[in-house]
Structure formats: structure tokens, C-alpha cells
Amino acid sequence: MANRTRHGAETSKGQCPALILKAIEQKRRKGGAAYATGKTLIVFLHANGGMWFPNQVARQLPEPLHFATVWVVGLQGVVEGEYVYAVTNLDLSQGNVPTFQVRISKDFGSWRVTPLQ
């Protein structure tokens, strides 16, 4: 979980990349390669730290990462009763990090995925 620094505190603008990388590092330290190899890490971004740039964060991933891949999921808001998430795979192998918008319907019975990058 990439979270605000203290409960209820606002995250300073531009702090999201550092929070994401810190969350990744905490999981890497949990058990190194023995813990992480072959696993997918999902970082839930719960911080109002403004815009961040997925390609830049992907370039800063630690070496060795150990995890097979890392996804970042952040709630963007609620629009007309639908939850709107940004979902990013920090994988630069195709040139740009794939990023999607996921809208979950009011009744949670369906969702739409729109590629953003």
C-alpha cells in the first residue's frame, strides 16, 4: 500500500513516485528473491499526491526487482456512481508502461477497460 504519511494527512504534490517505490522496496525486503520470484506485486495507491509519470517510476525500479511484474492501482474517483481506477503495469518492455482506466458499474456487475497508454 502506497499510503499517505500519516492518517488524514495530505500527501504533498509529486510524492506519489516516492511512495510507490517505497512500497515496492518494503515488499522486496520482506524476503528477497525467495519471497518475490515469479510473483506479481500489486501496489494500491492511496495517496492524493497529484500526477505521477509511470514511465519514470518504471525506470527507477530496483535491480534486481525479483517480482515478475508490478502493477499500481489507484482510485481516481467516483463518476455517476461508478468507481474509476487507473491501473498501470510498470513494464517498459513495449516502450511505454501500459496504463488503463477501469470503470466499475454501480451494481458491480460489469466493468469497462480503456487503454490510456
PDB file of N, CA and C in Angstrom:
ATOM      1  N   MET A   1       0.844  -1.171   0.000  1.00  0.00           N
ATOM      2  CA  MET A   1       0.000   0.000   0.000  1.00  0.00           C
ATOM      3  C   MET A   1       0.889   1.233   0.000  1.00  0.00           C
ATOM      4  N   ALA A   2       0.741   2.054  -1.020  1.00  0.00           N
ATOM      5  CA  ALA A   2       1.426   3.349  -1.049  1.00  0.00           C
ATOM      6  C   ALA A   2       0.448   4.340  -0.451  1.00  0.00           C
ATOM      7  N   ASN A   3       0.717   4.734   0.760  1.00  0.00           N
ATOM      8  CA  ASN A   3      -0.251   5.466   1.562  1.00  0.00           C
ATOM      9  C   ASN A   3       0.281   6.829   1.965  1.00  0.00           C
ATOM     10  N   ARG A   4      -0.640   7.666   2.421  1.00  0.00           N
ATOM     11  CA  ARG A   4      -0.251   8.954   2.997  1.00  0.00           C
ATOM     12  C   ARG A   4       0.712   8.713   4.147  1.00  0.00           C
ATOM     13  N   THR A   5       1.497   9.714   4.455  1.00  0.00           N
ATOM     14  CA  THR A   5       2.487   9.555   5.515  1.00  0.00           C
ATOM     15  C   THR A   5       1.862   9.388   6.900  1.00  0.00           C
ATOM     16  N   ARG A   6       0.779  10.107   7.187  1.00  0.00           N
ATOM     17  CA  ARG A   6       0.058   9.944   8.454  1.00  0.00           C
ATOM     18  C   ARG A   6      -1.428   9.898   8.132  1.00  0.00           C
ATOM     19  N   HIS A   7      -2.174   9.245   9.002  1.00  0.00           N
ATOM     20  CA  HIS A   7      -3.617   9.151   8.810  1.00  0.00           C
ATOM     21  C   HIS A   7      -4.223  10.545   8.701  1.00  0.00           C
ATOM     22  N   GLY A   8      -4.937  10.773   7.610  1.00  0.00           N
ATOM     23  CA  GLY A   8      -5.617  12.042   7.422  1.00  0.00           C
ATOM     24  C   GLY A   8      -4.780  13.137   6.811  1.00  0.00           C
ATOM     25  N   ALA A   9      -3.470  12.929   6.711  1.00  0.00           N
ATOM     26  CA  ALA A   9      -2.604  13.968   6.166  1.00  0.00           C
ATOM     27  C   ALA A   9      -2.646  13.947   4.644  1.00  0.00           C
ATOM     28  N   GLU A  10      -2.547  15.095   4.052  1.00  0.00           N
ATOM     29  CA  GLU A  10      -2.470  15.183   2.596  1.00  0.00           C
ATOM     30  C   GLU A  10      -1.049  14.853   2.169  1.00  0.00           C
ATOM     31  N   THR A  11      -0.939  14.130   1.083  1.00  0.00           N
ATOM     32  CA  THR A  11       0.362  13.828   0.517  1.00  0.00           C
ATOM     33  C   THR A  11       0.787  15.028  -0.297  1.00  0.00           C
ATOM     34  N   SER A  12       2.030  15.448  -0.128  1.00  0.00           N
ATOM     35  CA  SER A  12       2.481  16.610  -0.878  1.00  0.00           C
ATOM     36  C   SER A  12       2.542  16.281  -2.366  1.00  0.00           C
ATOM     37  N   LYS A  13       2.298  17.299  -3.171  1.00  0.00           N
ATOM     38  CA  LYS A  13       2.261  17.130  -4.610  1.00  0.00           C
ATOM     39  C   LYS A  13       3.580  16.552  -5.102  1.00  0.00           C
ATOM     40  N   GLY A  14       3.483  15.558  -5.974  1.00  0.00           N
ATOM     41  CA  GLY A  14       4.672  14.939  -6.529  1.00  0.00           C
ATOM     42  C   GLY A  14       5.271  13.844  -5.669  1.00  0.00           C
ATOM     43  N   GLN A  15       4.624  13.496  -4.571  1.00  0.00           N
ATOM     44  CA  GLN A  15       5.175  12.496  -3.660  1.00  0.00           C
ATOM     45  C   GLN A  15       4.807  11.063  -4.057  1.00  0.00           C
ATOM     46  N   CYS A  16       3.861  10.881  -4.979  1.00  0.00           N
ATOM     47  CA  CYS A  16       3.416   9.537  -5.352  1.00  0.00           C
ATOM     48  C   CYS A  16       4.551   8.626  -5.813  1.00  0.00           C
ATOM     49  N   PRO A  17       5.457   9.071  -6.696  1.00  0.00           N
ATOM     50  CA  PRO A  17       6.527   8.160  -7.117  1.00  0.00           C
ATOM     51  C   PRO A  17       7.331   7.608  -5.942  1.00  0.00           C
ATOM     52  N   ALA A  18       7.679   8.454  -5.000  1.00  0.00           N
ATOM     53  CA  ALA A  18       8.452   8.001  -3.846  1.00  0.00           C
ATOM     54  C   ALA A  18       7.655   7.008  -3.009  1.00  0.00           C
ATOM     55  N   LEU A  19       6.360   7.245  -2.849  1.00  0.00           N
ATOM     56  CA  LEU A  19       5.522   6.325  -2.072  1.00  0.00           C
ATOM     57  C   LEU A  19       5.400   4.973  -2.766  1.00  0.00           C
ATOM     58  N   ILE A  20       5.269   4.980  -4.084  1.00  0.00           N
ATOM     59  CA  ILE A  20       5.175   3.726  -4.846  1.00  0.00           C
ATOM     60  C   ILE A  20       6.479   2.943  -4.716  1.00  0.00           C
ATOM     61  N   LEU A  21       7.604   3.612  -4.935  1.00  0.00           N
ATOM     62  CA  LEU A  21       8.900   2.941  -4.860  1.00  0.00           C
ATOM     63  C   LEU A  21       9.189   2.441  -3.444  1.00  0.00           C
ATOM     64  N   LYS A  22       8.760   3.180  -2.444  1.00  0.00           N
ATOM     65  CA  LYS A  22       8.941   2.741  -1.051  1.00  0.00           C
ATOM     66  C   LYS A  22       8.136   1.464  -0.778  1.00  0.00           C
ATOM     67  N   ALA A  23       6.903   1.407  -1.283  1.00  0.00           N
ATOM     68  CA  ALA A  23       6.071   0.219  -1.089  1.00  0.00           C
ATOM     69  C   ALA A  23       6.700  -1.000  -1.770  1.00  0.00           C
ATOM     70  N   ILE A  24       7.266  -0.806  -2.960  1.00  0.00           N
ATOM     71  CA  ILE A  24       7.928  -1.896  -3.673  1.00  0.00           C
ATOM     72  C   ILE A  24       9.141  -2.374  -2.885  1.00  0.00           C
ATOM     73  N   GLU A  25       9.931  -1.443  -2.394  1.00  0.00           N
ATOM     74  CA  GLU A  25      11.131  -1.800  -1.636  1.00  0.00           C
ATOM     75  C   GLU A  25      10.783  -2.551  -0.346  1.00  0.00           C
ATOM     76  N   GLN A  26       9.706  -2.149   0.320  1.00  0.00           N
ATOM     77  CA  GLN A  26       9.292  -2.860   1.535  1.00  0.00           C
ATOM     78  C   GLN A  26       8.978  -4.317   1.238  1.00  0.00           C
ATOM     79  N   LYS A  27       8.311  -4.582   0.132  1.00  0.00           N
ATOM     80  CA  LYS A  27       7.985  -5.962  -0.234  1.00  0.00           C
ATOM     81  C   LYS A  27       9.227  -6.729  -0.675  1.00  0.00           C
ATOM     82  N   ARG A  28      10.151  -6.064  -1.372  1.00  0.00           N
ATOM     83  CA  ARG A  28      11.400  -6.726  -1.771  1.00  0.00           C
ATOM     84  C   ARG A  28      12.180  -7.170  -0.544  1.00  0.00           C
ATOM     85  N   ARG A  29      12.218  -6.308   0.480  1.00  0.00           N
ATOM     86  CA  ARG A  29      12.973  -6.617   1.694  1.00  0.00           C
ATOM     87  C   ARG A  29      12.303  -7.702   2.529  1.00  0.00           C
ATOM     88  N   LYS A  30      11.052  -7.974   2.262  1.00  0.00           N
ATOM     89  CA  LYS A  30      10.319  -8.955   3.061  1.00  0.00           C
ATOM     90  C   LYS A  30      10.982 -10.333   3.009  1.00  0.00           C
ATOM     91  N   GLY A  31      11.562 -10.671   1.888  1.00  0.00           N
ATOM     92  CA  GLY A  31      12.195 -11.982   1.790  1.00  0.00           C
ATOM     93  C   GLY A  31      13.043 -12.159   0.559  1.00  0.00           C
ATOM     94  N   GLY A  32      13.313 -11.052  -0.115  1.00  0.00           N
ATOM     95  CA  GLY A  32      14.180 -11.100  -1.285  1.00  0.00           C
ATOM     96  C   GLY A  32      13.657 -12.002  -2.377  1.00  0.00           C
ATOM     97  N   ALA A  33      14.598 -12.609  -3.092  1.00  0.00           N
ATOM     98  CA  ALA A  33      14.249 -13.454  -4.233  1.00  0.00           C
ATOM     99  C   ALA A  33      13.397 -14.650  -3.812  1.00  0.00           C
ATOM    100  N   ALA A  34      13.693 -15.222  -2.648  1.00  0.00           N
ATOM    101  CA  ALA A  34      12.934 -16.391  -2.197  1.00  0.00           C
ATOM    102  C   ALA A  34      11.452 -16.064  -2.014  1.00  0.00           C
ATOM    103  N   TYR A  35      11.159 -14.847  -1.593  1.00  0.00           N
ATOM    104  CA  TYR A  35       9.777 -14.415  -1.385  1.00  0.00           C
ATOM    105  C   TYR A  35       9.120 -13.954  -2.684  1.00  0.00           C
ATOM    106  N   ALA A  36       9.858 -13.214  -3.515  1.00  0.00           N
ATOM    107  CA  ALA A  36       9.243 -12.474  -4.617  1.00  0.00           C
ATOM    108  C   ALA A  36       9.302 -13.147  -5.986  1.00  0.00           C
ATOM    109  N   THR A  37      10.267 -14.000  -6.232  1.00  0.00           N
ATOM    110  CA  THR A  37      10.465 -14.546  -7.566  1.00  0.00           C
ATOM    111  C   THR A  37       9.197 -15.192  -8.110  1.00  0.00           C
ATOM    112  N   GLY A  38       8.833 -14.760  -9.319  1.00  0.00           N
ATOM    113  CA  GLY A  38       7.673 -15.315 -10.003  1.00  0.00           C
ATOM    114  C   GLY A  38       6.340 -14.743  -9.572  1.00  0.00           C
ATOM    115  N   LYS A  39       6.326 -13.864  -8.590  1.00  0.00           N
ATOM    116  CA  LYS A  39       5.074 -13.297  -8.095  1.00  0.00           C
ATOM    117  C   LYS A  39       4.773 -11.959  -8.757  1.00  0.00           C
ATOM    118  N   THR A  40       3.501 -11.624  -8.786  1.00  0.00           N
ATOM    119  CA  THR A  40       3.047 -10.317  -9.230  1.00  0.00           C
ATOM    120  C   THR A  40       2.806  -9.469  -7.994  1.00  0.00           C
ATOM    121  N   LEU A  41       3.397  -8.287  -7.960  1.00  0.00           N
ATOM    122  CA  LEU A  41       3.181  -7.355  -6.857  1.00  0.00           C
ATOM    123  C   LEU A  41       2.162  -6.321  -7.295  1.00  0.00           C
ATOM    124  N   ILE A  42       1.155  -6.094  -6.479  1.00  0.00           N
ATOM    125  CA  ILE A  42       0.160  -5.061  -6.745  1.00  0.00           C
ATOM    126  C   ILE A  42       0.278  -4.009  -5.656  1.00  0.00           C
ATOM    127  N   VAL A  43       0.559  -2.772  -6.069  1.00  0.00           N
ATOM    128  CA  VAL A  43       0.674  -1.652  -5.148  1.00  0.00           C
ATOM    129  C   VAL A  43      -0.622  -0.860  -5.252  1.00  0.00           C
ATOM    130  N   PHE A  44      -1.330  -0.741  -4.144  1.00  0.00           N
ATOM    131  CA  PHE A  44      -2.544   0.070  -4.101  1.00  0.00           C
ATOM    132  C   PHE A  44      -2.138   1.482  -3.705  1.00  0.00           C
ATOM    133  N   LEU A  45      -2.398   2.414  -4.583  1.00  0.00           N
ATOM    134  CA  LEU A  45      -2.014   3.799  -4.369  1.00  0.00           C
ATOM    135  C   LEU A  45      -3.164   4.521  -3.676  1.00  0.00           C
ATOM    136  N   HIS A  46      -2.954   4.826  -2.399  1.00  0.00           N
ATOM    137  CA  HIS A  46      -3.962   5.518  -1.603  1.00  0.00           C
ATOM    138  C   HIS A  46      -3.347   6.815  -1.106  1.00  0.00           C
ATOM    139  N   ALA A  47      -3.093   7.700  -2.037  1.00  0.00           N
ATOM    140  CA  ALA A  47      -2.451   8.956  -1.694  1.00  0.00           C
ATOM    141  C   ALA A  47      -2.915  10.006  -2.683  1.00  0.00           C
ATOM    142  N   ASN A  48      -3.166  11.172  -2.191  1.00  0.00           N
ATOM    143  CA  ASN A  48      -3.589  12.263  -3.056  1.00  0.00           C
ATOM    144  C   ASN A  48      -2.368  13.131  -3.356  1.00  0.00           C
ATOM    145  N   GLY A  49      -1.398  12.513  -4.030  1.00  0.00           N
ATOM    146  CA  GLY A  49      -0.133  13.196  -4.257  1.00  0.00           C
ATOM    147  C   GLY A  49       0.023  13.762  -5.641  1.00  0.00           C
ATOM    148  N   GLY A  50      -1.076  13.973  -6.326  1.00  0.00           N
ATOM    149  CA  GLY A  50      -1.008  14.582  -7.642  1.00  0.00           C
ATOM    150  C   GLY A  50      -0.590  13.607  -8.721  1.00  0.00           C
ATOM    151  N   MET A  51      -0.268  14.167  -9.862  1.00  0.00           N
ATOM    152  CA  MET A  51       0.076  13.378 -11.026  1.00  0.00           C
ATOM    153  C   MET A  51       1.448  12.726 -10.858  1.00  0.00           C
ATOM    154  N   TRP A  52       1.572  11.527 -11.410  1.00  0.00           N
ATOM    155  CA  TRP A  52       2.867  10.860 -11.456  1.00  0.00           C
ATOM    156  C   TRP A  52       3.019  10.266 -12.846  1.00  0.00           C
ATOM    157  N   PHE A  53       4.249   9.958 -13.222  1.00  0.00           N
ATOM    158  CA  PHE A  53       4.541   9.508 -14.572  1.00  0.00           C
ATOM    159  C   PHE A  53       5.034   8.063 -14.535  1.00  0.00           C
ATOM    160  N   PRO A  54       4.197   7.123 -14.969  1.00  0.00           N
ATOM    161  CA  PRO A  54       4.529   5.697 -14.862  1.00  0.00           C
ATOM    162  C   PRO A  54       5.849   5.308 -15.517  1.00  0.00           C
ATOM    163  N   ASN A  55       6.188   5.863 -16.688  1.00  0.00           N
ATOM    164  CA  ASN A  55       7.453   5.512 -17.338  1.00  0.00           C
ATOM    165  C   ASN A  55       8.634   5.880 -16.445  1.00  0.00           C
ATOM    166  N   GLN A  56       8.563   7.043 -15.794  1.00  0.00           N
ATOM    167  CA  GLN A  56       9.655   7.472 -14.917  1.00  0.00           C
ATOM    168  C   GLN A  56       9.790   6.558 -13.708  1.00  0.00           C
ATOM    169  N   VAL A  57       8.656   6.161 -13.135  1.00  0.00           N
ATOM    170  CA  VAL A  57       8.697   5.259 -11.979  1.00  0.00           C
ATOM    171  C   VAL A  57       9.257   3.900 -12.400  1.00  0.00           C
ATOM    172  N   ALA A  58       8.834   3.405 -13.565  1.00  0.00           N
ATOM    173  CA  ALA A  58       9.331   2.111 -14.048  1.00  0.00           C
ATOM    174  C   ALA A  58      10.845   2.136 -14.243  1.00  0.00           C
ATOM    175  N   ARG A  59      11.377   3.255 -14.692  1.00  0.00           N
ATOM    176  CA  ARG A  59      12.831   3.377 -14.882  1.00  0.00           C
ATOM    177  C   ARG A  59      13.589   3.369 -13.545  1.00  0.00           C
ATOM    178  N   GLN A  60      12.904   3.653 -12.458  1.00  0.00           N
ATOM    179  CA  GLN A  60      13.544   3.706 -11.137  1.00  0.00           C
ATOM    180  C   GLN A  60      13.365   2.416 -10.333  1.00  0.00           C
ATOM    181  N   LEU A  61      12.747   1.397 -10.936  1.00  0.00           N
ATOM    182  CA  LEU A  61      12.561   0.148 -10.205  1.00  0.00           C
ATOM    183  C   LEU A  61      13.909  -0.421  -9.786  1.00  0.00           C
ATOM    184  N   PRO A  62      13.973  -0.999  -8.598  1.00  0.00           N
ATOM    185  CA  PRO A  62      15.249  -1.533  -8.102  1.00  0.00           C
ATOM    186  C   PRO A  62      15.700  -2.742  -8.916  1.00  0.00           C
ATOM    187  N   GLU A  63      17.005  -2.926  -8.947  1.00  0.00           N
ATOM    188  CA  GLU A  63      17.607  -4.094  -9.601  1.00  0.00           C
ATOM    189  C   GLU A  63      18.324  -4.917  -8.550  1.00  0.00           C
ATOM    190  N   PRO A  64      18.091  -6.174  -8.463  1.00  0.00           N
ATOM    191  CA  PRO A  64      17.061  -6.903  -9.184  1.00  0.00           C
ATOM    192  C   PRO A  64      15.698  -6.665  -8.542  1.00  0.00           C
ATOM    193  N   LEU A  65      14.681  -6.646  -9.348  1.00  0.00           N
ATOM    194  CA  LEU A  65      13.321  -6.430  -8.849  1.00  0.00           C
ATOM    195  C   LEU A  65      12.808  -7.668  -8.115  1.00  0.00           C
ATOM    196  N   HIS A  66      13.155  -8.833  -8.588  1.00  0.00           N
ATOM    197  CA  HIS A  66      12.729 -10.137  -8.090  1.00  0.00           C
ATOM    198  C   HIS A  66      11.306 -10.469  -8.516  1.00  0.00           C
ATOM    199  N   PHE A  67      10.366  -9.536  -8.404  1.00  0.00           N
ATOM    200  CA  PHE A  67       8.985  -9.817  -8.794  1.00  0.00           C
ATOM    201  C   PHE A  67       8.895  -9.979 -10.305  1.00  0.00           C
ATOM    202  N   ALA A  68       7.963 -10.806 -10.766  1.00  0.00           N
ATOM    203  CA  ALA A  68       7.751 -10.988 -12.200  1.00  0.00           C
ATOM    204  C   ALA A  68       7.260  -9.687 -12.830  1.00  0.00           C
ATOM    205  N   THR A  69       6.389  -8.982 -12.128  1.00  0.00           N
ATOM    206  CA  THR A  69       5.875  -7.707 -12.606  1.00  0.00           C
ATOM    207  C   THR A  69       5.256  -6.946 -11.438  1.00  0.00           C
ATOM    208  N   VAL A  70       5.070  -5.639 -11.640  1.00  0.00           N
ATOM    209  CA  VAL A  70       4.461  -4.782 -10.622  1.00  0.00           C
ATOM    210  C   VAL A  70       3.327  -3.996 -11.273  1.00  0.00           C
ATOM    211  N   TRP A  71       2.170  -4.035 -10.643  1.00  0.00           N
ATOM    212  CA  TRP A  71       1.020  -3.236 -11.058  1.00  0.00           C
ATOM    213  C   TRP A  71       0.747  -2.193  -9.989  1.00  0.00           C
ATOM    214  N   VAL A  72       0.294  -1.008 -10.404  1.00  0.00           N
ATOM    215  CA  VAL A  72      -0.126   0.049  -9.483  1.00  0.00           C
ATOM    216  C   VAL A  72      -1.591   0.330  -9.779  1.00  0.00           C
ATOM    217  N   VAL A  73      -2.417   0.297  -8.726  1.00  0.00           N
ATOM    218  CA  VAL A  73      -3.855   0.516  -8.855  1.00  0.00           C
ATOM    219  C   VAL A  73      -4.235   1.683  -7.952  1.00  0.00           C
ATOM    220  N   GLY A  74      -4.882   2.688  -8.541  1.00  0.00           N
ATOM    221  CA  GLY A  74      -5.284   3.852  -7.753  1.00  0.00           C
ATOM    222  C   GLY A  74      -6.681   4.303  -8.108  1.00  0.00           C
ATOM    223  N   LEU A  75      -7.487   4.540  -7.098  1.00  0.00           N
ATOM    224  CA  LEU A  75      -8.831   5.074  -7.314  1.00  0.00           C
ATOM    225  C   LEU A  75      -8.714   6.515  -7.778  1.00  0.00           C
ATOM    226  N   GLN A  76      -9.317   6.812  -8.931  1.00  0.00           N
ATOM    227  CA  GLN A  76      -9.304   8.164  -9.471  1.00  0.00           C
ATOM    228  C   GLN A  76     -10.512   8.961  -9.006  1.00  0.00           C
ATOM    229  N   GLY A  77     -11.596   8.263  -8.693  1.00  0.00           N
ATOM    230  CA  GLY A  77     -12.792   8.939  -8.220  1.00  0.00           C
ATOM    231  C   GLY A  77     -14.027   8.120  -8.492  1.00  0.00           C
ATOM    232  N   VAL A  78     -15.156   8.703  -8.145  1.00  0.00           N
ATOM    233  CA  VAL A  78     -16.454   8.091  -8.408  1.00  0.00           C
ATOM    234  C   VAL A  78     -17.193   9.030  -9.342  1.00  0.00           C
ATOM    235  N   VAL A  79     -17.583   8.508 -10.505  1.00  0.00           N
ATOM    236  CA  VAL A  79     -18.255   9.303 -11.522  1.00  0.00           C
ATOM    237  C   VAL A  79     -19.597   8.653 -11.822  1.00  0.00           C
ATOM    238  N   GLU A  80     -20.676   9.390 -11.568  1.00  0.00           N
ATOM    239  CA  GLU A  80     -22.034   8.884 -11.801  1.00  0.00           C
ATOM    240  C   GLU A  80     -22.244   7.528 -11.138  1.00  0.00           C
ATOM    241  N   GLY A  81     -21.688   7.369  -9.942  1.00  0.00           N
ATOM    242  CA  GLY A  81     -21.857   6.142  -9.175  1.00  0.00           C
ATOM    243  C   GLY A  81     -20.910   5.023  -9.562  1.00  0.00           C
ATOM    244  N   GLU A  82     -20.077   5.238 -10.575  1.00  0.00           N
ATOM    245  CA  GLU A  82     -19.116   4.222 -10.994  1.00  0.00           C
ATOM    246  C   GLU A  82     -17.743   4.531 -10.416  1.00  0.00           C
ATOM    247  N   TYR A  83     -17.076   3.491  -9.930  1.00  0.00           N
ATOM    248  CA  TYR A  83     -15.713   3.648  -9.433  1.00  0.00           C
ATOM    249  C   TYR A  83     -14.771   3.666 -10.625  1.00  0.00           C
ATOM    250  N   VAL A  84     -13.875   4.652 -10.663  1.00  0.00           N
ATOM    251  CA  VAL A  84     -12.935   4.806 -11.764  1.00  0.00           C
ATOM    252  C   VAL A  84     -11.517   4.646 -11.210  1.00  0.00           C
ATOM    253  N   TYR A  85     -10.807   3.648 -11.742  1.00  0.00           N
ATOM    254  CA  TYR A  85      -9.448   3.349 -11.307  1.00  0.00           C
ATOM    255  C   TYR A  85      -8.471   3.552 -12.449  1.00  0.00           C
ATOM    256  N   ALA A  86      -7.250   3.943 -12.121  1.00  0.00           N
ATOM    257  CA  ALA A  86      -6.128   3.896 -13.055  1.00  0.00           C
ATOM    258  C   ALA A  86      -5.320   2.662 -12.677  1.00  0.00           C
ATOM    259  N   VAL A  87      -5.012   1.841 -13.666  1.00  0.00           N
ATOM    260  CA  VAL A  87      -4.293   0.586 -13.444  1.00  0.00           C
ATOM    261  C   VAL A  87      -3.078   0.580 -14.370  1.00  0.00           C
ATOM    262  N   THR A  88      -1.903   0.451 -13.774  1.00  0.00           N
ATOM    263  CA  THR A  88      -0.645   0.579 -14.520  1.00  0.00           C
ATOM    264  C   THR A  88       0.249  -0.617 -14.263  1.00  0.00           C
ATOM    265  N   ASN A  89       0.820  -1.169 -15.333  1.00  0.00           N
ATOM    266  CA  ASN A  89       1.815  -2.235 -15.222  1.00  0.00           C
ATOM    267  C   ASN A  89       3.179  -1.596 -15.452  1.00  0.00           C
ATOM    268  N   LEU A  90       4.031  -1.600 -14.445  1.00  0.00           N
ATOM    269  CA  LEU A  90       5.334  -0.937 -14.540  1.00  0.00           C
ATOM    270  C   LEU A  90       6.322  -1.771 -15.366  1.00  0.00           C
ATOM    271  N   ASP A  91       5.963  -2.007 -16.607  1.00  0.00           N
ATOM    272  CA  ASP A  91       6.745  -2.824 -17.521  1.00  0.00           C
ATOM    273  C   ASP A  91       7.065  -2.007 -18.768  1.00  0.00           C
ATOM    274  N   LEU A  92       8.330  -1.707 -18.966  1.00  0.00           N
ATOM    275  CA  LEU A  92       8.766  -0.890 -20.107  1.00  0.00           C
ATOM    276  C   LEU A  92       9.133  -1.711 -21.341  1.00  0.00           C
ATOM    277  N   SER A  93       8.895  -3.010 -21.335  1.00  0.00           N
ATOM    278  CA  SER A  93       9.368  -3.863 -22.422  1.00  0.00           C
ATOM    279  C   SER A  93       8.759  -3.515 -23.782  1.00  0.00           C
ATOM    280  N   GLN A  94       7.602  -2.860 -23.809  1.00  0.00           N
ATOM    281  CA  GLN A  94       6.973  -2.478 -25.070  1.00  0.00           C
ATOM    282  C   GLN A  94       7.202  -1.000 -25.393  1.00  0.00           C
ATOM    283  N   GLY A  95       8.068  -0.334 -24.654  1.00  0.00           N
ATOM    284  CA  GLY A  95       8.379   1.075 -24.903  1.00  0.00           C
ATOM    285  C   GLY A  95       7.744   2.006 -23.894  1.00  0.00           C
ATOM    286  N   ASN A  96       6.446   1.922 -23.726  1.00  0.00           N
ATOM    287  CA  ASN A  96       5.726   2.705 -22.721  1.00  0.00           C
ATOM    288  C   ASN A  96       5.047   1.767 -21.746  1.00  0.00           C
ATOM    289  N   VAL A  97       4.934   2.205 -20.531  1.00  0.00           N
ATOM    290  CA  VAL A  97       4.247   1.435 -19.498  1.00  0.00           C
ATOM    291  C   VAL A  97       2.755   1.401 -19.827  1.00  0.00           C
ATOM    292  N   PRO A  98       2.154   0.203 -19.916  1.00  0.00           N
ATOM    293  CA  PRO A  98       0.720   0.135 -20.204  1.00  0.00           C
ATOM    294  C   PRO A  98      -0.108   0.650 -19.020  1.00  0.00           C
ATOM    295  N   THR A  99      -1.018   1.560 -19.326  1.00  0.00           N
ATOM    296  CA  THR A  99      -1.893   2.158 -18.322  1.00  0.00           C
ATOM    297  C   THR A  99      -3.326   2.102 -18.832  1.00  0.00           C
ATOM    298  N   PHE A 100      -4.239   1.751 -17.943  1.00  0.00           N
ATOM    299  CA  PHE A 100      -5.640   1.584 -18.308  1.00  0.00           C
ATOM    300  C   PHE A 100      -6.536   2.328 -17.335  1.00  0.00           C
ATOM    301  N   GLN A 101      -7.702   2.728 -17.819  1.00  0.00           N
ATOM    302  CA  GLN A 101      -8.751   3.219 -16.939  1.00  0.00           C
ATOM    303  C   GLN A 101      -9.769   2.090 -16.819  1.00  0.00           C
ATOM    304  N   VAL A 102     -10.135   1.770 -15.596  1.00  0.00           N
ATOM    305  CA  VAL A 102     -11.132   0.732 -15.341  1.00  0.00           C
ATOM    306  C   VAL A 102     -12.313   1.379 -14.636  1.00  0.00           C
ATOM    307  N   ARG A 103     -13.487   1.272 -15.263  1.00  0.00           N
ATOM    308  CA  ARG A 103     -14.721   1.804 -14.671  1.00  0.00           C
ATOM    309  C   ARG A 103     -15.601   0.631 -14.266  1.00  0.00           C
ATOM    310  N   ILE A 104     -15.930   0.581 -12.994  1.00  0.00           N
ATOM    311  CA  ILE A 104     -16.769  -0.493 -12.460  1.00  0.00           C
ATOM    312  C   ILE A 104     -18.180   0.043 -12.298  1.00  0.00           C
ATOM    313  N   SER A 105     -19.156  -0.670 -12.866  1.00  0.00           N
ATOM    314  CA  SER A 105     -20.538  -0.194 -12.851  1.00  0.00           C
ATOM    315  C   SER A 105     -21.094  -0.101 -11.432  1.00  0.00           C
ATOM    316  N   LYS A 106     -22.168   0.659 -11.297  1.00  0.00           N
ATOM    317  CA  LYS A 106     -22.794   0.893  -9.983  1.00  0.00           C
ATOM    318  C   LYS A 106     -23.138  -0.404  -9.271  1.00  0.00           C
ATOM    319  N   ASP A 107     -23.622  -1.392 -10.038  1.00  0.00           N
ATOM    320  CA  ASP A 107     -24.056  -2.650  -9.421  1.00  0.00           C
ATOM    321  C   ASP A 107     -22.929  -3.677  -9.313  1.00  0.00           C
ATOM    322  N   PHE A 108     -21.705  -3.288  -9.695  1.00  0.00           N
ATOM    323  CA  PHE A 108     -20.527  -4.143  -9.679  1.00  0.00           C
ATOM    324  C   PHE A 108     -20.678  -5.367 -10.581  1.00  0.00           C
ATOM    325  N   GLY A 109     -21.640  -5.307 -11.501  1.00  0.00           N
ATOM    326  CA  GLY A 109     -21.898  -6.436 -12.389  1.00  0.00           C
ATOM    327  C   GLY A 109     -21.086  -6.402 -13.670  1.00  0.00           C
ATOM    328  N   SER A 110     -20.472  -5.271 -13.968  1.00  0.00           N
ATOM    329  CA  SER A 110     -19.676  -5.173 -15.181  1.00  0.00           C
ATOM    330  C   SER A 110     -18.622  -4.091 -15.021  1.00  0.00           C
ATOM    331  N   TRP A 111     -17.695  -4.063 -15.960  1.00  0.00           N
ATOM    332  CA  TRP A 111     -16.659  -3.040 -15.957  1.00  0.00           C
ATOM    333  C   TRP A 111     -16.209  -2.783 -17.391  1.00  0.00           C
ATOM    334  N   ARG A 112     -15.619  -1.615 -17.583  1.00  0.00           N
ATOM    335  CA  ARG A 112     -15.063  -1.243 -18.878  1.00  0.00           C
ATOM    336  C   ARG A 112     -13.589  -0.902 -18.685  1.00  0.00           C
ATOM    337  N   VAL A 113     -12.790  -1.380 -19.607  1.00  0.00           N
ATOM    338  CA  VAL A 113     -11.353  -1.104 -19.570  1.00  0.00           C
ATOM    339  C   VAL A 113     -10.990  -0.305 -20.808  1.00  0.00           C
ATOM    340  N   THR A 114     -10.363   0.850 -20.596  1.00  0.00           N
ATOM    341  CA  THR A 114      -9.956   1.726 -21.696  1.00  0.00           C
ATOM    342  C   THR A 114      -8.444   1.921 -21.615  1.00  0.00           C
ATOM    343  N   PRO A 115      -7.704   1.555 -22.675  1.00  0.00           N
ATOM    344  CA  PRO A 115      -6.262   1.814 -22.660  1.00  0.00           C
ATOM    345  C   PRO A 115      -6.000   3.326 -22.676  1.00  0.00           C
ATOM    346  N   LEU A 116      -5.086   3.782 -21.835  1.00  0.00           N
ATOM    347  CA  LEU A 116      -4.700   5.196 -21.805  1.00  0.00           C
ATOM    348  C   LEU A 116      -3.314   5.394 -22.406  1.00  0.00           C
ATOM    349  N   GLN A 117      -2.461   4.398 -22.235  1.00  0.00           N
ATOM    350  CA  GLN A 117      -1.085   4.490 -22.746  1.00  0.00           C
ATOM    351  C   GLN A 117      -0.599   3.099 -23.057  1.00  0.00           C
TER     352      GLN A 117
END
